[in-house]
Amino acid sequence: MKGNIGQLMKQAQQMQENMRRMQESLSTMEVEGQSGAGMVKVQMTCKHEVKRVSIDPTLVGDDREMLEDLLVAAFNDAAHKAEAATAEKMSGMTAGLGLPAGFKLPF
């Protein structure tokens, strides 16, 4: 029994280190969100830090309200992709743990 606890502690420490490395990786991983058939693009990290915004020059003369709506849509698209990339990375780490569906790490 004592050996099992020691093994569990070792696995927990290893998982904690793997989590730290994954979080570092996610902070540099970038996703791109688009709207308006690619006329507005937003690049952001999986930590939701926006890196670049690209607007097709043909939009600048158009209705400002439409451009603002397209920017919102592009940001939201990038955020959804960042969440999906994070979930994919996390599922690989927690695959053998038998955690209940919907359980999120880190807490």
N, C-alpha and C. Protein backbone atom coordinates (compact mmCIF):
# COMPACT_ATOMS: atom_id res chain seq x y z
N MET A 1 0.83 -1.20 0.00
CA MET A 1 0.00 0.00 0.00
C MET A 1 0.86 1.25 0.00
N LYS A 2 1.97 1.22 0.78
CA LYS A 2 2.86 2.37 0.86
C LYS A 2 3.46 2.69 -0.51
N GLY A 3 3.81 1.65 -1.26
CA GLY A 3 4.38 1.84 -2.59
C GLY A 3 3.40 2.47 -3.55
N ASN A 4 2.13 2.13 -3.40
CA ASN A 4 1.10 2.71 -4.26
C ASN A 4 0.96 4.21 -4.06
N ILE A 5 1.02 4.66 -2.82
CA ILE A 5 0.92 6.09 -2.52
C ILE A 5 2.12 6.81 -3.10
N GLY A 6 3.30 6.22 -2.94
CA GLY A 6 4.50 6.82 -3.51
C GLY A 6 4.42 6.92 -5.02
N GLN A 7 3.88 5.89 -5.64
CA GLN A 7 3.72 5.89 -7.10
C GLN A 7 2.71 6.95 -7.53
N LEU A 8 1.62 7.07 -6.78
CA LEU A 8 0.62 8.09 -7.09
C LEU A 8 1.19 9.50 -6.97
N MET A 9 1.99 9.72 -5.94
CA MET A 9 2.62 11.03 -5.75
C MET A 9 3.57 11.34 -6.91
N LYS A 10 4.31 10.34 -7.33
CA LYS A 10 5.24 10.52 -8.44
C LYS A 10 4.47 10.86 -9.72
N GLN A 11 3.36 10.16 -9.96
CA GLN A 11 2.54 10.43 -11.14
C GLN A 11 1.94 11.84 -11.09
N ALA A 12 1.52 12.25 -9.89
CA ALA A 12 0.94 13.59 -9.73
C ALA A 12 1.98 14.67 -10.02
N GLN A 13 3.20 14.46 -9.55
CA GLN A 13 4.27 15.43 -9.82
C GLN A 13 4.60 15.48 -11.30
N GLN A 14 4.63 14.31 -11.93
CA GLN A 14 4.92 14.26 -13.36
C GLN A 14 3.81 14.96 -14.15
N MET A 15 2.57 14.75 -13.75
CA MET A 15 1.45 15.39 -14.43
C MET A 15 1.51 16.91 -14.25
N GLN A 16 1.89 17.36 -13.06
CA GLN A 16 2.00 18.78 -12.79
C GLN A 16 3.07 19.40 -13.69
N GLU A 17 4.18 18.73 -13.86
CA GLU A 17 5.25 19.23 -14.74
C GLU A 17 4.78 19.24 -16.19
N ASN A 18 4.06 18.20 -16.60
CA ASN A 18 3.53 18.16 -17.96
C ASN A 18 2.53 19.29 -18.20
N MET A 19 1.72 19.59 -17.20
CA MET A 19 0.76 20.70 -17.29
C MET A 19 1.49 22.03 -17.46
N ARG A 20 2.53 22.22 -16.69
CA ARG A 20 3.30 23.47 -16.78
C ARG A 20 3.86 23.64 -18.18
N ARG A 21 4.45 22.55 -18.73
CA ARG A 21 5.02 22.62 -20.08
C ARG A 21 3.94 22.88 -21.12
N MET A 22 2.78 22.26 -20.96
CA MET A 22 1.70 22.45 -21.90
C MET A 22 1.20 23.89 -21.87
N GLN A 23 1.08 24.46 -20.68
CA GLN A 23 0.62 25.84 -20.56
C GLN A 23 1.61 26.81 -21.21
N GLU A 24 2.91 26.53 -21.07
CA GLU A 24 3.92 27.34 -21.74
C GLU A 24 3.76 27.23 -23.25
N SER A 25 3.53 26.01 -23.72
CA SER A 25 3.34 25.77 -25.15
C SER A 25 2.12 26.51 -25.68
N LEU A 26 1.03 26.49 -24.93
CA LEU A 26 -0.19 27.17 -25.35
C LEU A 26 -0.02 28.69 -25.41
N SER A 27 0.84 29.23 -24.57
CA SER A 27 1.01 30.68 -24.57
C SER A 27 1.70 31.17 -25.84
N THR A 28 2.40 30.28 -26.55
CA THR A 28 3.05 30.67 -27.80
C THR A 28 2.32 30.14 -29.03
N MET A 29 1.44 29.17 -28.86
CA MET A 29 0.69 28.62 -29.98
C MET A 29 -0.32 29.65 -30.46
N GLU A 30 -0.37 29.88 -31.79
CA GLU A 30 -1.28 30.87 -32.34
C GLU A 30 -2.36 30.23 -33.19
N VAL A 31 -3.56 30.83 -33.16
CA VAL A 31 -4.67 30.43 -34.01
C VAL A 31 -5.13 31.68 -34.76
N GLU A 32 -5.81 31.45 -35.88
CA GLU A 32 -6.31 32.58 -36.67
C GLU A 32 -7.81 32.47 -36.81
N GLY A 33 -8.49 33.55 -36.49
CA GLY A 33 -9.93 33.64 -36.70
C GLY A 33 -10.20 34.53 -37.90
N GLN A 34 -11.26 34.22 -38.63
CA GLN A 34 -11.60 34.98 -39.82
C GLN A 34 -13.07 35.30 -39.85
N SER A 35 -13.40 36.37 -40.56
CA SER A 35 -14.80 36.70 -40.85
C SER A 35 -14.84 37.40 -42.20
N GLY A 36 -16.05 37.52 -42.74
CA GLY A 36 -16.19 38.19 -44.03
C GLY A 36 -15.43 37.48 -45.13
N ALA A 37 -15.49 36.15 -45.15
CA ALA A 37 -14.79 35.33 -46.16
C ALA A 37 -13.29 35.64 -46.20
N GLY A 38 -12.71 35.86 -45.02
CA GLY A 38 -11.27 36.09 -44.92
C GLY A 38 -10.84 37.54 -45.09
N MET A 39 -11.81 38.45 -45.20
CA MET A 39 -11.46 39.86 -45.36
C MET A 39 -10.98 40.48 -44.05
N VAL A 40 -11.36 39.89 -42.93
CA VAL A 40 -10.88 40.33 -41.62
C VAL A 40 -10.29 39.10 -40.93
N LYS A 41 -9.04 39.24 -40.47
CA LYS A 41 -8.36 38.12 -39.80
C LYS A 41 -7.78 38.60 -38.48
N VAL A 42 -7.83 37.70 -37.49
CA VAL A 42 -7.27 37.99 -36.18
C VAL A 42 -6.40 36.80 -35.79
N GLN A 43 -5.17 37.08 -35.40
CA GLN A 43 -4.30 36.03 -34.88
C GLN A 43 -4.09 36.28 -33.40
N MET A 44 -4.27 35.19 -32.63
CA MET A 44 -4.13 35.31 -31.18
C MET A 44 -3.52 34.02 -30.64
N THR A 45 -2.94 34.12 -29.44
CA THR A 45 -2.41 32.93 -28.79
C THR A 45 -3.56 32.18 -28.14
N CYS A 46 -3.29 30.95 -27.74
CA CYS A 46 -4.32 30.16 -27.05
C CYS A 46 -4.56 30.68 -25.63
N LYS A 47 -3.84 31.69 -25.24
CA LYS A 47 -4.10 32.37 -23.96
C LYS A 47 -4.89 33.65 -24.21
N HIS A 48 -5.46 33.78 -25.43
CA HIS A 48 -6.32 34.89 -25.83
C HIS A 48 -5.60 36.23 -25.92
N GLU A 49 -4.31 36.23 -26.22
CA GLU A 49 -3.57 37.47 -26.44
C GLU A 49 -3.53 37.72 -27.94
N VAL A 50 -4.16 38.80 -28.38
CA VAL A 50 -4.23 39.12 -29.80
C VAL A 50 -2.86 39.59 -30.28
N LYS A 51 -2.39 38.99 -31.37
CA LYS A 51 -1.08 39.33 -31.92
C LYS A 51 -1.19 40.24 -33.15
N ARG A 52 -2.15 39.94 -34.04
CA ARG A 52 -2.29 40.70 -35.27
C ARG A 52 -3.75 40.79 -35.68
N VAL A 53 -4.09 41.92 -36.31
CA VAL A 53 -5.38 42.10 -36.94
C VAL A 53 -5.10 42.52 -38.38
N SER A 54 -5.74 41.85 -39.33
CA SER A 54 -5.54 42.14 -40.75
C SER A 54 -6.90 42.46 -41.36
N ILE A 55 -7.00 43.63 -42.02
CA ILE A 55 -8.24 44.06 -42.65
C ILE A 55 -7.98 44.28 -44.13
N ASP A 56 -8.79 43.63 -44.96
CA ASP A 56 -8.68 43.81 -46.40
C ASP A 56 -8.88 45.28 -46.74
N PRO A 57 -8.01 45.87 -47.54
CA PRO A 57 -8.10 47.31 -47.86
C PRO A 57 -9.44 47.72 -48.46
N THR A 58 -10.13 46.82 -49.12
CA THR A 58 -11.42 47.18 -49.72
C THR A 58 -12.48 47.50 -48.67
N LEU A 59 -12.28 47.07 -47.44
CA LEU A 59 -13.27 47.31 -46.38
C LEU A 59 -13.16 48.70 -45.76
N VAL A 60 -12.01 49.31 -45.86
CA VAL A 60 -11.79 50.56 -45.14
C VAL A 60 -12.75 51.65 -45.59
N GLY A 61 -13.10 51.67 -46.85
CA GLY A 61 -14.03 52.69 -47.33
C GLY A 61 -15.48 52.34 -47.08
N ASP A 62 -15.75 51.11 -46.72
CA ASP A 62 -17.13 50.67 -46.50
C ASP A 62 -17.67 51.16 -45.17
N ASP A 63 -18.85 50.74 -44.89
CA ASP A 63 -19.56 51.08 -43.66
C ASP A 63 -18.74 50.68 -42.43
N ARG A 64 -18.47 51.62 -41.57
CA ARG A 64 -17.67 51.38 -40.37
C ARG A 64 -18.34 50.36 -39.44
N GLU A 65 -19.65 50.43 -39.33
CA GLU A 65 -20.38 49.51 -38.46
C GLU A 65 -20.19 48.06 -38.90
N MET A 66 -20.21 47.84 -40.22
CA MET A 66 -20.00 46.48 -40.74
C MET A 66 -18.59 46.00 -40.39
N LEU A 67 -17.60 46.88 -40.55
CA LEU A 67 -16.23 46.52 -40.23
C LEU A 67 -16.10 46.15 -38.75
N GLU A 68 -16.73 46.89 -37.87
CA GLU A 68 -16.69 46.59 -36.45
C GLU A 68 -17.33 45.23 -36.16
N ASP A 69 -18.45 44.94 -36.83
CA ASP A 69 -19.11 43.65 -36.65
C ASP A 69 -18.22 42.50 -37.13
N LEU A 70 -17.53 42.72 -38.26
CA LEU A 70 -16.63 41.70 -38.79
C LEU A 70 -15.45 41.46 -37.84
N LEU A 71 -14.94 42.53 -37.22
CA LEU A 71 -13.84 42.37 -36.25
C LEU A 71 -14.30 41.55 -35.05
N VAL A 72 -15.49 41.83 -34.56
CA VAL A 72 -16.03 41.07 -33.43
C VAL A 72 -16.14 39.59 -33.81
N ALA A 73 -16.65 39.32 -35.00
CA ALA A 73 -16.80 37.94 -35.45
C ALA A 73 -15.44 37.25 -35.58
N ALA A 74 -14.44 37.95 -36.09
CA ALA A 74 -13.10 37.37 -36.24
C ALA A 74 -12.47 37.09 -34.88
N PHE A 75 -12.61 38.01 -33.94
CA PHE A 75 -12.08 37.78 -32.59
C PHE A 75 -12.76 36.57 -31.95
N ASN A 76 -14.06 36.47 -32.08
CA ASN A 76 -14.78 35.34 -31.51
C ASN A 76 -14.38 34.03 -32.16
N ASP A 77 -14.17 34.03 -33.47
CA ASP A 77 -13.73 32.83 -34.17
C ASP A 77 -12.37 32.40 -33.65
N ALA A 78 -11.46 33.35 -33.48
CA ALA A 78 -10.12 33.03 -32.96
C ALA A 78 -10.21 32.50 -31.54
N ALA A 79 -11.06 33.08 -30.72
CA ALA A 79 -11.20 32.62 -29.33
C ALA A 79 -11.73 31.20 -29.28
N HIS A 80 -12.72 30.87 -30.14
CA HIS A 80 -13.24 29.50 -30.18
C HIS A 80 -12.17 28.51 -30.62
N LYS A 81 -11.35 28.91 -31.58
CA LYS A 81 -10.28 28.03 -32.04
C LYS A 81 -9.22 27.85 -30.96
N ALA A 82 -8.95 28.91 -30.19
CA ALA A 82 -7.99 28.80 -29.09
C ALA A 82 -8.51 27.82 -28.04
N GLU A 83 -9.80 27.90 -27.71
CA GLU A 83 -10.40 26.98 -26.75
C GLU A 83 -10.33 25.54 -27.25
N ALA A 84 -10.61 25.34 -28.55
CA ALA A 84 -10.58 24.00 -29.12
C ALA A 84 -9.16 23.43 -29.09
N ALA A 85 -8.17 24.26 -29.40
CA ALA A 85 -6.77 23.80 -29.37
C ALA A 85 -6.35 23.45 -27.95
N THR A 86 -6.78 24.25 -26.99
CA THR A 86 -6.47 23.98 -25.59
C THR A 86 -7.11 22.67 -25.15
N ALA A 87 -8.38 22.47 -25.50
CA ALA A 87 -9.07 21.23 -25.13
C ALA A 87 -8.41 20.01 -25.76
N GLU A 88 -7.97 20.15 -27.00
CA GLU A 88 -7.30 19.03 -27.68
C GLU A 88 -6.00 18.66 -26.99
N LYS A 89 -5.22 19.68 -26.64
CA LYS A 89 -3.96 19.42 -25.94
C LYS A 89 -4.21 18.78 -24.57
N MET A 90 -5.22 19.28 -23.87
CA MET A 90 -5.52 18.77 -22.54
C MET A 90 -6.01 17.32 -22.60
N SER A 91 -6.80 16.98 -23.62
CA SER A 91 -7.35 15.63 -23.70
C SER A 91 -6.23 14.61 -23.88
N GLY A 92 -5.17 14.98 -24.56
CA GLY A 92 -4.03 14.08 -24.72
C GLY A 92 -3.33 13.83 -23.40
N MET A 93 -3.27 14.84 -22.56
CA MET A 93 -2.59 14.71 -21.27
C MET A 93 -3.39 13.89 -20.27
N THR A 94 -4.69 14.03 -20.31
CA THR A 94 -5.53 13.41 -19.29
C THR A 94 -6.19 12.12 -19.76
N ALA A 95 -5.80 11.62 -20.93
CA ALA A 95 -6.45 10.46 -21.54
C ALA A 95 -6.47 9.23 -20.62
N GLY A 96 -5.38 8.92 -19.95
CA GLY A 96 -5.31 7.71 -19.15
C GLY A 96 -5.76 7.86 -17.72
N LEU A 97 -6.27 9.02 -17.35
CA LEU A 97 -6.62 9.26 -15.95
C LEU A 97 -8.02 8.81 -15.58
N GLY A 98 -8.88 8.61 -16.55
CA GLY A 98 -10.25 8.20 -16.26
C GLY A 98 -11.06 9.27 -15.58
N LEU A 99 -10.82 10.53 -15.94
CA LEU A 99 -11.56 11.64 -15.34
C LEU A 99 -12.97 11.69 -15.92
N PRO A 100 -13.94 12.15 -15.14
CA PRO A 100 -15.31 12.26 -15.65
C PRO A 100 -15.41 13.25 -16.80
N ALA A 101 -16.36 13.05 -17.69
CA ALA A 101 -16.57 13.96 -18.82
C ALA A 101 -16.84 15.36 -18.31
N GLY A 102 -16.24 16.35 -18.95
CA GLY A 102 -16.44 17.74 -18.56
C GLY A 102 -15.53 18.22 -17.45
N PHE A 103 -14.73 17.34 -16.88
CA PHE A 103 -13.81 17.72 -15.81
C PHE A 103 -12.68 18.54 -16.42
N LYS A 104 -12.44 19.74 -15.89
CA LYS A 104 -11.44 20.63 -16.47
C LYS A 104 -10.22 20.74 -15.58
N LEU A 105 -9.07 20.70 -16.22
CA LEU A 105 -7.81 20.95 -15.54
C LEU A 105 -7.15 22.12 -16.26
N PRO A 106 -6.35 22.96 -15.64
CA PRO A 106 -6.17 23.05 -14.21
C PRO A 106 -7.43 23.58 -13.55
N PHE A 107 -7.54 23.30 -12.27
CA PHE A 107 -8.77 23.57 -11.51
C PHE A 107 -9.08 25.01 -11.56
